[in-house]
Amino acid sequence: MIVGLVYVDGVVKHDGKGVGVRFLVDSGAMYTVLTKSVWEELGLKPMGEVEFVLADGTVIKRAISEALLELPGYGEWHTPWYSARAKTKTCSASSPWRYSA
């Protein structure tokens, strides 16, 4: 078995705007994390707030919204997003498709 980090380039779209991002793929995630700067550039508005439990047991609350995710070879997918509040260059993606490798 090969273990490693998988990245994919994609475009997040909302309200006629699109931002190119590099995603760290997490096939078990239910939400996709956007950096604060991408969230703001797209003009995403909070549609609610969700509590998340981190690996160390810390509980955090984050605003959630919705946008489109376009991945090369897979087209556009609708996915829930939350803002990471941090200003990093890499976003985290849930898998908009389900498959076994």
N, C-alpha and C. Protein backbone atom coordinates (compact mmCIF):
# COMPACT_ATOMS: atom_id res chain seq x y z
N MET A 1 0.84 -1.17 0.00
CA MET A 1 0.00 0.00 0.00
C MET A 1 0.90 1.24 0.00
N ILE A 2 0.52 2.22 -0.82
CA ILE A 2 1.25 3.48 -0.88
C ILE A 2 0.49 4.52 -0.07
N VAL A 3 1.21 5.19 0.81
CA VAL A 3 0.59 6.22 1.64
C VAL A 3 1.27 7.55 1.32
N GLY A 4 0.50 8.60 1.20
CA GLY A 4 1.07 9.91 0.92
C GLY A 4 -0.03 10.95 0.83
N LEU A 5 0.37 12.16 0.61
CA LEU A 5 -0.58 13.25 0.46
C LEU A 5 -0.92 13.41 -1.01
N VAL A 6 -2.20 13.61 -1.28
CA VAL A 6 -2.67 13.79 -2.65
C VAL A 6 -3.23 15.20 -2.80
N TYR A 7 -2.74 15.90 -3.82
CA TYR A 7 -3.22 17.24 -4.12
C TYR A 7 -3.85 17.24 -5.50
N VAL A 8 -4.82 18.12 -5.70
CA VAL A 8 -5.44 18.29 -7.01
C VAL A 8 -5.74 19.78 -7.18
N ASP A 9 -5.50 20.28 -8.39
CA ASP A 9 -5.83 21.66 -8.69
C ASP A 9 -7.27 21.72 -9.16
N GLY A 10 -7.98 22.76 -8.76
CA GLY A 10 -9.37 22.92 -9.15
C GLY A 10 -9.75 24.39 -9.12
N VAL A 11 -11.02 24.63 -9.41
CA VAL A 11 -11.57 25.98 -9.39
C VAL A 11 -12.83 25.97 -8.53
N VAL A 12 -12.90 26.90 -7.59
CA VAL A 12 -14.10 27.09 -6.78
C VAL A 12 -14.90 28.21 -7.43
N LYS A 13 -16.20 27.98 -7.66
CA LYS A 13 -17.04 28.95 -8.35
C LYS A 13 -18.23 29.35 -7.50
N HIS A 14 -18.54 30.64 -7.57
CA HIS A 14 -19.72 31.14 -6.86
C HIS A 14 -20.12 32.48 -7.46
N ASP A 15 -21.38 32.62 -7.81
CA ASP A 15 -21.95 33.89 -8.23
C ASP A 15 -21.15 34.53 -9.38
N GLY A 16 -20.77 33.72 -10.37
CA GLY A 16 -20.07 34.22 -11.53
C GLY A 16 -18.57 34.43 -11.36
N LYS A 17 -18.06 34.12 -10.18
CA LYS A 17 -16.63 34.27 -9.92
C LYS A 17 -16.00 32.88 -9.80
N GLY A 18 -14.71 32.80 -10.13
CA GLY A 18 -13.99 31.55 -9.98
C GLY A 18 -12.59 31.80 -9.46
N VAL A 19 -12.14 30.97 -8.54
CA VAL A 19 -10.80 31.10 -7.96
C VAL A 19 -10.10 29.75 -8.07
N GLY A 20 -8.91 29.76 -8.69
CA GLY A 20 -8.11 28.55 -8.79
C GLY A 20 -7.45 28.24 -7.46
N VAL A 21 -7.54 26.99 -7.04
CA VAL A 21 -6.95 26.59 -5.75
C VAL A 21 -6.28 25.22 -5.89
N ARG A 22 -5.38 24.93 -4.99
CA ARG A 22 -4.78 23.59 -4.88
C ARG A 22 -5.38 22.96 -3.64
N PHE A 23 -5.99 21.78 -3.82
CA PHE A 23 -6.65 21.09 -2.73
C PHE A 23 -5.81 19.94 -2.22
N LEU A 24 -5.80 19.76 -0.91
CA LEU A 24 -5.30 18.56 -0.28
C LEU A 24 -6.52 17.65 -0.17
N VAL A 25 -6.48 16.49 -0.81
CA VAL A 25 -7.65 15.62 -0.87
C VAL A 25 -7.76 14.78 0.39
N ASP A 26 -8.96 14.77 0.97
CA ASP A 26 -9.28 13.94 2.12
C ASP A 26 -10.55 13.18 1.76
N SER A 27 -10.40 11.93 1.34
CA SER A 27 -11.54 11.16 0.84
C SER A 27 -12.59 10.85 1.90
N GLY A 28 -12.27 11.05 3.16
CA GLY A 28 -13.23 10.80 4.22
C GLY A 28 -13.92 12.05 4.74
N ALA A 29 -13.59 13.21 4.20
CA ALA A 29 -14.16 14.46 4.69
C ALA A 29 -15.59 14.66 4.19
N MET A 30 -16.39 15.34 5.00
CA MET A 30 -17.75 15.67 4.62
C MET A 30 -17.88 17.11 4.14
N TYR A 31 -16.94 17.94 4.49
CA TYR A 31 -16.94 19.34 4.11
C TYR A 31 -15.62 19.68 3.43
N THR A 32 -15.63 20.76 2.68
CA THR A 32 -14.42 21.25 2.03
C THR A 32 -14.02 22.55 2.69
N VAL A 33 -12.75 22.69 3.00
CA VAL A 33 -12.23 23.86 3.70
C VAL A 33 -11.66 24.84 2.69
N LEU A 34 -12.07 26.09 2.81
CA LEU A 34 -11.49 27.16 2.00
C LEU A 34 -10.73 28.11 2.90
N THR A 35 -9.66 28.67 2.38
CA THR A 35 -8.97 29.71 3.13
C THR A 35 -9.87 30.93 3.23
N LYS A 36 -9.62 31.73 4.22
CA LYS A 36 -10.42 32.94 4.43
C LYS A 36 -10.35 33.85 3.20
N SER A 37 -9.16 33.95 2.59
CA SER A 37 -9.02 34.84 1.44
C SER A 37 -9.86 34.37 0.24
N VAL A 38 -9.93 33.05 0.00
CA VAL A 38 -10.74 32.53 -1.10
C VAL A 38 -12.22 32.73 -0.78
N TRP A 39 -12.61 32.44 0.44
CA TRP A 39 -14.00 32.64 0.90
C TRP A 39 -14.42 34.08 0.62
N GLU A 40 -13.58 35.03 1.00
CA GLU A 40 -13.91 36.45 0.83
C GLU A 40 -13.88 36.86 -0.65
N GLU A 41 -12.91 36.35 -1.42
CA GLU A 41 -12.82 36.70 -2.84
C GLU A 41 -14.06 36.24 -3.61
N LEU A 42 -14.61 35.10 -3.23
CA LEU A 42 -15.82 34.60 -3.88
C LEU A 42 -17.09 35.28 -3.39
N GLY A 43 -16.98 35.99 -2.28
CA GLY A 43 -18.15 36.65 -1.72
C GLY A 43 -19.13 35.68 -1.07
N LEU A 44 -18.62 34.57 -0.55
CA LEU A 44 -19.49 33.59 0.12
C LEU A 44 -20.08 34.20 1.39
N LYS A 45 -21.34 33.92 1.61
CA LYS A 45 -22.03 34.38 2.81
C LYS A 45 -22.37 33.18 3.68
N PRO A 46 -22.20 33.31 4.99
CA PRO A 46 -22.54 32.19 5.89
C PRO A 46 -24.01 31.80 5.76
N MET A 47 -24.26 30.50 5.69
CA MET A 47 -25.62 29.96 5.66
C MET A 47 -25.95 29.27 6.97
N GLY A 48 -25.02 29.33 7.89
CA GLY A 48 -25.18 28.68 9.18
C GLY A 48 -23.82 28.46 9.80
N GLU A 49 -23.82 27.77 10.93
CA GLU A 49 -22.57 27.48 11.63
C GLU A 49 -22.60 26.03 12.09
N VAL A 50 -21.46 25.36 12.00
CA VAL A 50 -21.37 23.95 12.35
C VAL A 50 -20.21 23.76 13.33
N GLU A 51 -20.40 22.84 14.28
CA GLU A 51 -19.32 22.47 15.20
C GLU A 51 -18.54 21.31 14.60
N PHE A 52 -17.21 21.40 14.69
CA PHE A 52 -16.32 20.35 14.22
C PHE A 52 -15.45 19.90 15.37
N VAL A 53 -15.20 18.60 15.46
CA VAL A 53 -14.30 18.06 16.47
C VAL A 53 -12.99 17.69 15.76
N LEU A 54 -11.90 18.30 16.17
CA LEU A 54 -10.61 18.05 15.56
C LEU A 54 -10.00 16.76 16.11
N ALA A 55 -8.94 16.29 15.47
CA ALA A 55 -8.31 15.03 15.86
C ALA A 55 -7.86 15.01 17.31
N ASP A 56 -7.50 16.19 17.86
CA ASP A 56 -7.05 16.24 19.26
C ASP A 56 -8.20 16.44 20.24
N GLY A 57 -9.45 16.43 19.73
CA GLY A 57 -10.62 16.58 20.58
C GLY A 57 -11.11 18.01 20.73
N THR A 58 -10.37 18.98 20.21
CA THR A 58 -10.79 20.37 20.27
C THR A 58 -12.06 20.56 19.44
N VAL A 59 -13.01 21.31 19.99
CA VAL A 59 -14.25 21.61 19.28
C VAL A 59 -14.17 23.05 18.76
N ILE A 60 -14.42 23.21 17.46
CA ILE A 60 -14.42 24.54 16.86
C ILE A 60 -15.75 24.76 16.14
N LYS A 61 -16.13 26.02 15.96
CA LYS A 61 -17.32 26.36 15.18
C LYS A 61 -16.85 27.15 13.97
N ARG A 62 -17.44 26.86 12.82
CA ARG A 62 -17.11 27.56 11.60
C ARG A 62 -18.38 27.84 10.80
N ALA A 63 -18.38 28.97 10.11
CA ALA A 63 -19.47 29.31 9.21
C ALA A 63 -19.42 28.37 8.02
N ILE A 64 -20.59 28.02 7.48
CA ILE A 64 -20.64 27.19 6.28
C ILE A 64 -21.39 27.92 5.18
N SER A 65 -21.11 27.54 3.94
CA SER A 65 -21.77 28.10 2.78
C SER A 65 -21.77 27.02 1.69
N GLU A 66 -22.19 27.39 0.48
CA GLU A 66 -22.19 26.45 -0.64
C GLU A 66 -21.56 27.10 -1.86
N ALA A 67 -20.90 26.30 -2.68
CA ALA A 67 -20.29 26.77 -3.92
C ALA A 67 -20.09 25.56 -4.84
N LEU A 68 -19.64 25.83 -6.04
CA LEU A 68 -19.32 24.77 -6.99
C LEU A 68 -17.83 24.50 -6.98
N LEU A 69 -17.47 23.25 -7.16
CA LEU A 69 -16.08 22.83 -7.27
C LEU A 69 -15.90 22.22 -8.64
N GLU A 70 -14.95 22.74 -9.43
CA GLU A 70 -14.65 22.17 -10.74
C GLU A 70 -13.28 21.51 -10.69
N LEU A 71 -13.26 20.23 -11.02
CA LEU A 71 -12.01 19.46 -11.05
C LEU A 71 -11.77 18.97 -12.47
N PRO A 72 -10.53 19.04 -12.97
CA PRO A 72 -10.21 18.57 -14.32
C PRO A 72 -10.64 17.12 -14.51
N GLY A 73 -11.39 16.87 -15.55
CA GLY A 73 -11.83 15.51 -15.86
C GLY A 73 -13.08 15.06 -15.11
N TYR A 74 -13.54 15.85 -14.15
CA TYR A 74 -14.73 15.47 -13.37
C TYR A 74 -15.86 16.47 -13.48
N GLY A 75 -15.61 17.65 -14.04
CA GLY A 75 -16.65 18.66 -14.19
C GLY A 75 -16.92 19.40 -12.89
N GLU A 76 -18.13 19.97 -12.81
CA GLU A 76 -18.52 20.76 -11.64
C GLU A 76 -19.32 19.90 -10.65
N TRP A 77 -19.06 20.15 -9.37
CA TRP A 77 -19.76 19.46 -8.29
C TRP A 77 -20.18 20.47 -7.25
N HIS A 78 -21.34 20.26 -6.69
CA HIS A 78 -21.85 21.12 -5.62
C HIS A 78 -21.37 20.54 -4.29
N THR A 79 -20.79 21.37 -3.44
CA THR A 79 -20.26 20.86 -2.18
C THR A 79 -20.39 21.89 -1.08
N PRO A 80 -20.62 21.47 0.17
CA PRO A 80 -20.61 22.43 1.28
C PRO A 80 -19.19 22.86 1.61
N TRP A 81 -19.03 24.10 2.08
CA TRP A 81 -17.72 24.67 2.38
C TRP A 81 -17.73 25.27 3.77
N TYR A 82 -16.57 25.32 4.36
CA TYR A 82 -16.44 26.15 5.55
C TYR A 82 -15.13 26.90 5.50
N SER A 83 -15.12 28.02 6.18
CA SER A 83 -13.95 28.90 6.16
C SER A 83 -12.95 28.47 7.20
N ALA A 84 -11.68 28.37 6.81
CA ALA A 84 -10.63 27.95 7.72
C ALA A 84 -10.16 29.09 8.62
N ARG A 85 -10.53 30.32 8.27
CA ARG A 85 -10.11 31.51 8.99
C ARG A 85 -8.63 31.80 8.86
N ALA A 86 -7.87 30.83 8.41
CA ALA A 86 -6.42 31.02 8.26
C ALA A 86 -6.12 31.48 6.85
N LYS A 87 -4.96 32.07 6.68
CA LYS A 87 -4.56 32.54 5.36
C LYS A 87 -3.44 31.66 4.82
N THR A 88 -3.79 30.41 4.49
CA THR A 88 -2.81 29.49 3.91
C THR A 88 -3.06 29.40 2.41
N LYS A 89 -2.15 28.79 1.68
CA LYS A 89 -2.29 28.69 0.24
C LYS A 89 -3.02 27.43 -0.20
N THR A 90 -3.09 26.42 0.64
CA THR A 90 -3.70 25.15 0.27
C THR A 90 -5.05 24.99 0.96
N CYS A 91 -6.04 24.57 0.20
CA CYS A 91 -7.36 24.28 0.75
C CYS A 91 -7.45 22.77 0.96
N SER A 92 -8.51 22.33 1.61
CA SER A 92 -8.72 20.91 1.83
C SER A 92 -10.02 20.52 1.17
N ALA A 93 -10.04 19.43 0.45
CA ALA A 93 -11.24 19.03 -0.29
C ALA A 93 -11.79 17.72 0.20
N SER A 94 -13.10 17.71 0.39
CA SER A 94 -13.77 16.43 0.55
C SER A 94 -13.86 15.83 -0.84
N SER A 95 -14.07 14.57 -0.93
CA SER A 95 -14.16 13.93 -2.23
C SER A 95 -15.57 14.08 -2.76
N PRO A 96 -15.78 14.82 -3.86
CA PRO A 96 -17.14 14.98 -4.39
C PRO A 96 -17.60 13.73 -5.13
N TRP A 97 -16.72 12.78 -5.32
CA TRP A 97 -17.07 11.52 -5.93
C TRP A 97 -16.66 10.41 -4.97
N ARG A 98 -17.32 9.31 -5.07
CA ARG A 98 -16.99 8.17 -4.19
C ARG A 98 -16.48 7.04 -5.07
N TYR A 99 -15.33 6.56 -4.79
CA TYR A 99 -14.76 5.47 -5.57
C TYR A 99 -13.75 4.72 -4.73
N SER A 100 -13.40 3.54 -5.20
CA SER A 100 -12.36 2.75 -4.55
C SER A 100 -11.17 2.65 -5.49
N ALA A 101 -9.97 2.81 -4.93
CA ALA A 101 -8.77 2.73 -5.77
C ALA A 101 -8.20 1.34 -5.70
